[in-house]
Amino acid sequence: MVYREETARLLAHLADYWIVRELCFVESLGQIQESLRNFNAGAAQFPDLSRRAFKYWVYDPVSDTFGPNKFVGFQAMTFPKYRLAGLIADKELDHGRFNGHRARKAIRKVLGLDYEMDTELCKMLEQWAESLFGTLSVFSGRNPAKWRFLRLR
């Protein structure tokens, strides 16, 4: 029993350390762009993580790519890091930090913009996803009217 309690305390301590060092919100346009590039570079290799029902999307017209705010809103986010953050959050050891709402606020703070409905970007997102994943059904069963977008400038 003591061993389990010590292990649980150690895991909580390690999670705290990792969160402070690795799970930092974006503070610049360059950090947003980096995480957006990372999402697009790894999405096809991590379909279980990249095909989730995201609602808020960041769009970069220069690279013509999309990324979900919960990924793009963290500095130097990668898919292995995203998976680990999810595991830590599932154990309720993240203190609410791995949170789409908080990531969205960080992105809005950096860019001074807000997410909006955009029917043109809805269509473009579907085309982007189909070309990235090679399937027509990436967003099947999802309601595009719920999606919100923020365009990088």
Protein backbone atom coordinates (compact mmCIF):
# COMPACT_ATOMS: atom_id res chain seq x y z
CA MET A 1 0.00 0.00 0.00
CA VAL A 2 2.83 2.41 0.88
CA TYR A 3 4.55 1.57 -2.42
CA ARG A 4 1.44 2.57 -4.41
CA GLU A 5 1.08 5.82 -2.51
CA GLU A 6 4.75 6.68 -3.06
CA THR A 7 4.44 5.81 -6.75
CA ALA A 8 1.33 7.97 -7.08
CA ARG A 9 3.11 10.90 -5.38
CA LEU A 10 6.15 10.45 -7.62
CA LEU A 11 3.99 10.38 -10.76
CA ALA A 12 2.16 13.51 -9.63
CA HIS A 13 5.47 15.26 -8.99
CA LEU A 14 6.85 14.23 -12.39
CA ALA A 15 3.63 15.37 -14.08
CA ASP A 16 3.90 18.77 -12.35
CA TYR A 17 7.49 19.12 -13.51
CA TRP A 18 6.64 18.12 -17.09
CA ILE A 19 3.66 20.46 -17.27
CA VAL A 20 5.68 23.46 -16.13
CA ARG A 21 8.57 22.71 -18.50
CA GLU A 22 6.78 21.30 -21.56
CA LEU A 23 3.13 22.36 -21.63
CA CYS A 24 3.51 26.10 -22.18
CA PHE A 25 1.00 28.21 -24.04
CA VAL A 26 2.10 30.03 -27.19
CA GLU A 27 3.37 33.57 -26.77
CA SER A 28 4.25 34.53 -30.36
CA LEU A 29 3.14 34.11 -33.95
CA GLY A 30 6.28 32.06 -34.63
CA GLN A 31 5.35 29.57 -31.91
CA ILE A 32 1.84 29.24 -33.37
CA GLN A 33 3.30 28.63 -36.82
CA GLU A 34 5.76 26.05 -35.45
CA SER A 35 3.03 23.99 -33.79
CA LEU A 36 0.86 24.34 -36.90
CA ARG A 37 3.72 22.97 -39.02
CA ASN A 38 4.21 20.13 -36.52
CA PHE A 39 0.53 19.23 -36.70
CA ASN A 40 0.58 19.05 -40.48
CA ALA A 41 3.86 17.14 -40.57
CA GLY A 42 2.63 14.42 -38.19
CA ALA A 43 -1.15 14.26 -38.64
CA ALA A 44 -1.18 11.37 -41.11
CA GLN A 45 1.07 9.30 -38.80
CA PHE A 46 -1.20 9.87 -35.78
CA PRO A 47 -4.76 9.56 -37.12
CA ASP A 48 -6.18 8.64 -33.71
CA LEU A 49 -5.08 12.04 -32.39
CA SER A 50 -5.43 14.22 -35.48
CA ARG A 51 -8.94 13.16 -36.48
CA ARG A 52 -10.64 14.09 -33.24
CA ALA A 53 -13.76 16.24 -33.22
CA PHE A 54 -12.04 19.59 -32.97
CA LYS A 55 -14.22 22.68 -33.15
CA TYR A 56 -11.70 25.55 -33.26
CA TRP A 57 -9.18 25.71 -36.10
CA VAL A 58 -6.25 27.95 -36.99
CA TYR A 59 -5.71 28.49 -40.70
CA ASP A 60 -2.47 29.71 -42.29
CA PRO A 61 -3.13 31.14 -45.77
CA VAL A 62 0.59 31.20 -46.60
CA SER A 63 1.03 27.43 -46.17
CA ASP A 64 -2.67 26.67 -46.83
CA THR A 65 -2.79 24.45 -43.74
CA PHE A 66 -5.03 24.00 -40.71
CA GLY A 67 -4.44 22.96 -37.13
CA PRO A 68 -6.75 22.60 -34.12
CA ASN A 69 -6.36 25.20 -31.40
CA LYS A 70 -5.74 22.61 -28.67
CA PHE A 71 -2.62 21.51 -30.56
CA VAL A 72 -1.52 24.85 -32.02
CA GLY A 73 -2.04 26.75 -28.76
CA PHE A 74 0.95 25.09 -27.06
CA GLN A 75 4.60 25.86 -27.69
CA ALA A 76 6.53 23.33 -29.79
CA MET A 77 3.64 20.88 -29.69
CA THR A 78 4.21 17.50 -31.31
CA PHE A 79 2.04 14.41 -31.47
CA PRO A 80 4.05 12.43 -28.89
CA LYS A 81 3.87 15.45 -26.57
CA TYR A 82 0.12 15.82 -27.28
CA ARG A 83 -0.47 12.15 -26.44
CA LEU A 84 1.48 12.45 -23.17
CA ALA A 85 -0.40 15.62 -22.23
CA GLY A 86 -3.66 13.75 -22.82
CA LEU A 87 -2.58 10.86 -20.59
CA ILE A 88 -1.59 13.27 -17.83
CA ALA A 89 -4.92 15.10 -18.18
CA ASP A 90 -6.83 11.79 -18.09
CA LYS A 91 -5.25 11.12 -14.68
CA GLU A 92 -6.24 14.67 -13.63
CA LEU A 93 -2.60 15.57 -13.02
CA ASP A 94 -2.47 18.55 -15.42
CA HIS A 95 -4.22 21.05 -13.12
CA GLY A 96 -6.55 21.89 -16.01
CA ARG A 97 -3.71 23.16 -18.20
CA PHE A 98 -4.20 20.82 -21.18
CA ASN A 99 -7.37 22.60 -22.10
CA GLY A 100 -8.70 23.79 -25.46
CA HIS A 101 -10.35 26.87 -23.95
CA ARG A 102 -7.09 28.03 -22.38
CA ALA A 103 -5.17 27.28 -25.60
CA ARG A 104 -7.73 29.31 -27.55
CA LYS A 105 -7.30 32.24 -25.17
CA ALA A 106 -3.52 32.10 -25.62
CA ILE A 107 -3.83 32.19 -29.41
CA ARG A 108 -6.31 35.08 -29.28
CA LYS A 109 -4.00 36.98 -26.94
CA VAL A 110 -1.04 36.60 -29.32
CA LEU A 111 -2.95 37.51 -32.47
CA GLY A 112 -5.54 39.95 -31.14
CA LEU A 113 -8.17 38.13 -33.20
CA ASP A 114 -11.15 35.93 -32.43
CA TYR A 115 -12.49 32.76 -33.98
CA GLU A 116 -15.36 33.13 -36.42
CA MET A 117 -17.65 31.01 -38.56
CA ASP A 118 -16.40 30.96 -42.15
CA THR A 119 -18.19 28.84 -44.76
CA GLU A 120 -15.29 29.19 -47.20
CA LEU A 121 -12.86 27.81 -44.61
CA CYS A 122 -15.29 24.98 -43.77
CA LYS A 123 -15.02 23.76 -47.35
CA MET A 124 -11.28 24.32 -47.44
CA LEU A 125 -10.84 22.38 -44.17
CA GLU A 126 -12.67 19.39 -45.60
CA GLN A 127 -10.54 19.49 -48.77
CA TRP A 128 -7.35 19.85 -46.72
CA ALA A 129 -8.29 16.88 -44.52
CA GLU A 130 -9.21 14.72 -47.51
CA SER A 131 -5.88 15.44 -49.20
CA LEU A 132 -3.89 14.94 -45.98
CA PHE A 133 -5.56 11.68 -44.94
CA GLY A 134 -6.47 10.37 -48.38
CA THR A 135 -10.08 9.70 -47.48
CA LEU A 136 -13.38 11.46 -48.07
CA SER A 137 -14.82 10.55 -44.67
CA VAL A 138 -12.48 12.29 -42.23
CA PHE A 139 -15.24 14.57 -40.98
CA SER A 140 -18.24 12.32 -41.66
CA GLY A 141 -20.95 12.79 -39.09
CA ARG A 142 -19.58 16.14 -37.94
CA ASN A 143 -21.45 19.40 -38.24
CA PRO A 144 -19.31 22.05 -40.03
CA ALA A 145 -21.66 24.76 -38.74
CA LYS A 146 -20.03 24.29 -35.32
CA TRP A 147 -16.50 24.94 -36.60
CA ARG A 148 -14.82 28.27 -35.88
CA PHE A 149 -11.71 29.59 -37.57
CA LEU A 150 -8.94 32.05 -36.97
CA ARG A 151 -6.83 33.12 -39.97
CA LEU A 152 -3.18 33.93 -39.48
CA ARG A 153 -2.12 37.12 -41.23
